[in-house]
Amino acid sequence: MATKLELAKNWLPRYTGMPLDDFGDLVLLTNFSNYVTTFAEQFNCNVEGRTRPMQAATNSAGLTIVNFGIGSPNAAIIMDLLIARHPKGVLFLGKCGGLKSSSEIGHLILPIAAIRGEGTSSDYFPPEVPALPSFKLHKFVSQKIVDRGLEYRTGVVYTTNRRVWEHDRAFLARLQAMTCIAIDMETATIFIVGHHNEISRGALLLVSDVPITPDGIKTEESDARVTREWTAMHLQIGIDAMSDLDSEGEAIRHFRY
């Protein structure tokens, strides 16, 4: 019977097209192929896995970026497969919907926790276990944001498996009752599966729509504007943070229970 580690060592290259030894010690995760392409162009490195479920690239400094797709099941898959490399830190660069009237498109959110509304994380821990980032990793990312003269918001993100929910007023009222700052489809899963696999993890989210307002629901046109105006900044903060984490950041240790 194959062990989980044996499966991960075989499946991580199979899903990404990247040899295991080419994965770096630090990893950026994203849902978007253009992030991987931009990364590869910036560092003049190859994009692997163009015909695979996931695409990946690693620069000469040992920083890897992976486009794992959309949704909590895919987030769980990549966080499970990364045990084959067991990186020192993983930062998710995702988009989210703002749930506060003060939320504005283009704002950054560094979540302090995520509510496990997606279901996938139930396969890893009981519902009482909170989905939390690694504090020291987030502390370092927040400093990189401040160094750029930018602001960010903190709060609790709700993670769901639902994609088309904006019409559901009862669901929206429930989100507001839980005082969530934003909604996405991956953060809680990344936090929980990272905790389960003893991988330090964090998330830097970009507000791409504000679905609590009638004209704030994401469209093809509005998403193109977000990509054009803010995603380069979003990606670069992730690159800067993870590139310097190994040399400048505090040591990140995972407690065993």
Protein backbone atom coordinates (compact mmCIF):
# COMPACT_ATOMS: atom_id res chain seq x y z
CA MET A 1 0.00 0.00 0.00
CA ALA A 2 1.53 3.33 -1.05
CA THR A 3 2.09 5.95 1.64
CA LYS A 4 0.79 9.50 1.32
CA LEU A 5 4.34 10.77 0.86
CA GLU A 6 5.01 8.27 -1.93
CA LEU A 7 1.83 9.32 -3.71
CA ALA A 8 2.68 13.00 -3.34
CA LYS A 9 6.18 12.52 -4.73
CA ASN A 10 4.71 10.82 -7.79
CA TRP A 11 1.66 13.05 -8.24
CA LEU A 12 3.17 16.53 -7.74
CA PRO A 13 5.28 16.20 -10.92
CA ARG A 14 2.36 14.47 -12.66
CA TYR A 15 -0.04 17.33 -11.93
CA THR A 16 2.42 20.16 -12.67
CA GLY A 17 4.87 18.72 -15.19
CA MET A 18 7.71 19.97 -12.99
CA PRO A 19 10.36 17.54 -11.66
CA LEU A 20 10.35 17.29 -7.87
CA ASP A 21 13.89 18.62 -7.56
CA ASP A 22 12.89 21.79 -9.41
CA PHE A 23 10.47 22.91 -6.71
CA GLY A 24 11.82 25.63 -4.44
CA ASP A 25 11.82 25.97 -0.67
CA LEU A 26 9.20 28.74 -0.85
CA VAL A 27 5.97 28.61 -2.86
CA LEU A 28 3.43 31.09 -4.19
CA LEU A 29 0.01 29.66 -4.99
CA THR A 30 -2.49 31.29 -7.32
CA ASN A 31 -5.63 30.61 -9.36
CA PHE A 32 -4.50 32.51 -12.41
CA SER A 33 -2.32 31.49 -15.34
CA ASN A 34 -1.31 35.10 -16.03
CA TYR A 35 0.41 35.26 -12.62
CA VAL A 36 2.59 32.29 -13.61
CA THR A 37 3.30 33.76 -17.05
CA THR A 38 4.25 37.15 -15.60
CA PHE A 39 6.48 35.47 -13.01
CA ALA A 40 8.24 33.42 -15.70
CA GLU A 41 8.78 36.48 -17.89
CA GLN A 42 10.19 38.48 -14.99
CA PHE A 43 12.72 35.80 -14.05
CA ASN A 44 13.28 34.33 -17.51
CA CYS A 45 12.30 30.82 -16.41
CA ASN A 46 10.17 28.14 -18.02
CA VAL A 47 6.49 27.50 -17.35
CA GLU A 48 5.98 23.79 -16.81
CA GLY A 49 2.73 21.85 -17.12
CA ARG A 50 1.00 23.80 -19.87
CA THR A 51 -0.91 20.62 -20.77
CA ARG A 52 -1.33 19.49 -17.14
CA PRO A 53 -3.99 20.38 -14.56
CA MET A 54 -1.57 22.81 -12.88
CA GLN A 55 1.19 25.08 -14.18
CA ALA A 56 4.37 25.94 -12.31
CA ALA A 57 7.60 27.92 -12.63
CA THR A 58 10.68 28.26 -10.42
CA ASN A 59 13.18 31.12 -10.54
CA SER A 60 16.93 30.87 -9.96
CA ALA A 61 16.52 31.88 -6.29
CA GLY A 62 14.34 28.85 -5.56
CA LEU A 63 10.93 30.52 -5.44
CA THR A 64 8.19 28.48 -7.10
CA ILE A 65 4.76 29.65 -8.26
CA VAL A 66 1.90 27.22 -8.95
CA ASN A 67 -1.47 27.84 -10.59
CA PHE A 68 -3.56 25.12 -8.94
CA GLY A 69 -6.93 26.07 -10.40
CA ILE A 70 -10.11 27.18 -8.66
CA GLY A 71 -11.91 25.93 -5.57
CA SER A 72 -11.28 24.26 -2.26
CA PRO A 73 -10.81 20.69 -3.61
CA ASN A 74 -7.95 21.88 -5.81
CA ALA A 75 -6.52 23.88 -2.90
CA ALA A 76 -6.51 20.72 -0.78
CA ILE A 77 -4.84 18.75 -3.59
CA ILE A 78 -1.91 21.13 -3.95
CA MET A 79 -1.42 21.48 -0.18
CA ASP A 80 -1.38 17.69 0.11
CA LEU A 81 0.99 17.24 -2.82
CA LEU A 82 3.42 19.85 -1.49
CA ILE A 83 4.40 17.47 1.31
CA ALA A 84 6.58 15.88 -1.37
CA ARG A 85 8.76 18.99 -1.15
CA HIS A 86 7.65 20.29 2.27
CA PRO A 87 8.38 23.96 1.56
CA LYS A 88 9.40 26.39 4.29
CA GLY A 89 6.43 28.60 3.51
CA VAL A 90 3.43 28.88 1.16
CA LEU A 91 1.63 32.12 0.32
CA PHE A 92 -1.69 32.09 -1.53
CA LEU A 93 -2.30 35.04 -3.86
CA GLY A 94 -6.03 34.96 -4.50
CA LYS A 95 -8.92 37.24 -5.28
CA CYS A 96 -11.94 37.71 -3.06
CA GLY A 97 -15.28 39.47 -2.87
CA GLY A 98 -15.48 42.32 -0.35
CA LEU A 99 -18.36 42.08 2.12
CA LYS A 100 -18.08 45.42 3.88
CA SER A 101 -19.40 48.74 2.66
CA SER A 102 -15.88 50.10 3.18
CA SER A 103 -14.40 47.44 0.89
CA GLU A 104 -13.13 48.79 -2.37
CA ILE A 105 -11.91 46.98 -5.44
CA GLY A 106 -8.12 46.83 -5.42
CA HIS A 107 -7.75 46.71 -1.64
CA LEU A 108 -5.56 44.03 -0.07
CA ILE A 109 -6.76 41.70 2.68
CA LEU A 110 -4.46 39.74 4.97
CA PRO A 111 -6.96 37.42 6.72
CA ILE A 112 -6.49 36.61 10.39
CA ALA A 113 -8.71 33.54 10.00
CA ALA A 114 -11.15 31.88 7.63
CA ILE A 115 -14.56 30.32 8.27
CA ARG A 116 -14.74 26.76 6.96
CA GLY A 117 -17.86 26.94 4.82
CA GLU A 118 -16.42 24.86 1.96
CA GLY A 119 -16.73 21.34 3.41
CA THR A 120 -13.41 20.08 2.03
CA SER A 121 -11.54 20.88 5.24
CA SER A 122 -13.84 18.56 7.20
CA ASP A 123 -11.81 15.64 5.84
CA TYR A 124 -8.78 16.94 7.76
CA PHE A 125 -9.95 18.27 11.13
CA PRO A 126 -13.18 18.46 13.18
CA PRO A 127 -15.25 21.63 12.70
CA GLU A 128 -14.03 23.06 16.01
CA VAL A 129 -10.50 23.51 14.64
CA PRO A 130 -10.09 27.09 13.34
CA ALA A 131 -8.56 27.81 9.94
CA LEU A 132 -5.61 30.06 10.72
CA PRO A 133 -2.55 31.34 8.86
CA SER A 134 0.99 31.12 10.21
CA PHE A 135 1.33 34.37 12.16
CA LYS A 136 5.04 34.96 11.50
CA LEU A 137 4.57 34.56 7.75
CA HIS A 138 1.71 37.07 7.75
CA LYS A 139 3.72 39.43 9.92
CA PHE A 140 6.47 39.47 7.31
CA VAL A 141 4.04 39.92 4.39
CA SER A 142 2.34 42.81 6.19
CA GLN A 143 5.67 44.58 6.60
CA LYS A 144 6.36 44.26 2.87
CA ILE A 145 3.00 45.89 2.16
CA VAL A 146 3.72 48.76 4.56
CA ASP A 147 7.21 49.22 3.06
CA ARG A 148 5.48 49.99 -0.24
CA GLY A 149 3.36 52.67 1.39
CA LEU A 150 0.19 50.63 0.89
CA GLU A 151 -2.64 49.78 3.26
CA TYR A 152 -4.27 46.44 3.91
CA ARG A 153 -7.29 45.17 5.81
CA THR A 154 -7.44 42.32 8.30
CA GLY A 155 -10.46 40.27 9.29
CA VAL A 156 -12.16 36.94 8.85
CA VAL A 157 -12.77 35.52 5.37
CA TYR A 158 -15.60 33.12 4.59
CA THR A 159 -14.58 30.27 2.28
CA THR A 160 -17.32 28.57 0.27
CA ASN A 161 -17.68 25.97 -2.47
CA ARG A 162 -20.52 27.97 -4.01
CA ARG A 163 -19.62 29.97 -7.09
CA VAL A 164 -23.00 31.44 -8.07
CA TRP A 165 -24.47 32.75 -4.82
CA GLU A 166 -24.77 36.50 -5.41
CA HIS A 167 -28.51 36.19 -6.09
CA ASP A 168 -29.12 34.46 -2.72
CA ARG A 169 -30.18 37.18 -0.27
CA ALA A 170 -30.48 34.76 2.66
CA PHE A 171 -26.89 33.58 2.14
CA LEU A 172 -25.65 37.17 1.91
CA ALA A 173 -27.47 38.07 5.13
CA ARG A 174 -25.80 35.10 6.84
CA LEU A 175 -22.38 36.28 5.69
CA GLN A 176 -23.04 39.75 7.06
CA ALA A 177 -24.29 38.31 10.37
CA MET A 178 -20.96 36.49 10.73
CA THR A 179 -19.15 39.83 10.25
CA CYS A 180 -16.99 38.45 7.44
CA ILE A 181 -14.77 40.94 5.66
CA ALA A 182 -14.61 38.97 2.41
CA ILE A 183 -15.57 35.72 0.68
CA ASP A 184 -13.45 33.37 -1.40
CA MET A 185 -13.20 29.69 -2.37
CA GLU A 186 -9.78 28.54 -1.13
CA THR A 187 -8.34 30.31 1.94
CA ALA A 188 -9.82 28.16 4.73
CA THR A 189 -8.81 24.98 2.90
CA ILE A 190 -5.23 26.16 2.44
CA PHE A 191 -5.00 27.09 6.11
CA ILE A 192 -6.48 23.82 7.38
CA VAL A 193 -4.62 21.45 5.05
CA GLY A 194 -1.42 23.39 5.66
CA HIS A 195 -1.95 22.91 9.40
CA HIS A 196 -2.65 19.21 8.86
CA ASN A 197 0.52 18.78 6.79
CA GLU A 198 2.67 21.01 9.01
CA ILE A 199 3.30 23.56 6.23
CA SER A 200 3.57 27.24 7.13
CA ARG A 201 0.97 29.11 5.10
CA GLY A 202 -0.63 32.47 4.51
CA ALA A 203 -2.92 34.30 2.11
CA LEU A 204 -2.81 37.76 0.56
CA LEU A 205 -6.16 38.46 -1.07
CA LEU A 206 -7.05 41.13 -3.61
CA VAL A 207 -10.60 42.48 -3.52
CA SER A 208 -11.86 41.97 -7.06
CA ASP A 209 -15.54 42.74 -6.55
CA VAL A 210 -17.99 43.98 -3.90
CA PRO A 211 -21.04 41.72 -4.32
CA ILE A 212 -23.02 43.36 -1.50
CA THR A 213 -23.77 46.26 -3.84
CA PRO A 214 -26.01 45.90 -6.91
CA ASP A 215 -23.34 47.12 -9.31
CA GLY A 216 -20.45 45.45 -7.48
CA ILE A 217 -20.85 41.88 -8.76
CA LYS A 218 -17.92 40.69 -10.84
CA THR A 219 -18.28 40.72 -14.61
CA GLU A 220 -15.89 40.01 -17.47
CA GLU A 221 -15.29 43.74 -17.85
CA SER A 222 -14.74 44.47 -14.16
CA ASP A 223 -12.38 41.53 -13.74
CA ALA A 224 -10.34 42.73 -16.71
CA ARG A 225 -10.00 46.09 -14.97
CA VAL A 226 -8.75 44.41 -11.78
CA THR A 227 -6.21 42.44 -13.80
CA ARG A 228 -5.05 45.56 -15.60
CA GLU A 229 -4.75 47.86 -12.58
CA TRP A 230 -3.86 45.77 -9.54
CA THR A 231 -2.67 42.21 -10.20
CA ALA A 232 0.91 43.23 -11.04
CA MET A 233 1.18 44.89 -7.62
CA HIS A 234 -0.44 41.88 -5.95
CA LEU A 235 1.99 39.43 -7.53
CA GLN A 236 5.05 41.60 -6.86
CA ILE A 237 4.27 41.90 -3.16
CA GLY A 238 4.04 38.11 -3.00
CA ILE A 239 7.36 37.74 -4.84
CA ASP A 240 9.10 40.30 -2.62
CA ALA A 241 7.76 38.77 0.58
CA MET A 242 8.61 35.18 -0.21
CA SER A 243 11.95 36.03 -1.82
CA ASP A 244 13.16 37.74 1.37
CA LEU A 245 11.43 35.52 3.91
CA ASP A 246 14.26 32.99 4.08
CA SER A 247 16.98 35.57 4.69
CA GLU A 248 15.17 38.28 6.65
CA GLY A 249 12.10 36.70 8.23
CA GLU A 250 11.81 35.12 11.65
CA ALA A 251 12.09 31.35 11.77
CA ILE A 252 8.69 29.74 11.26
CA ARG A 253 8.09 26.55 13.22
CA HIS A 254 5.05 24.32 13.22
CA PHE A 255 3.94 23.03 16.61
CA ARG A 256 3.17 19.34 16.83
CA TYR A 257 0.16 18.24 18.86
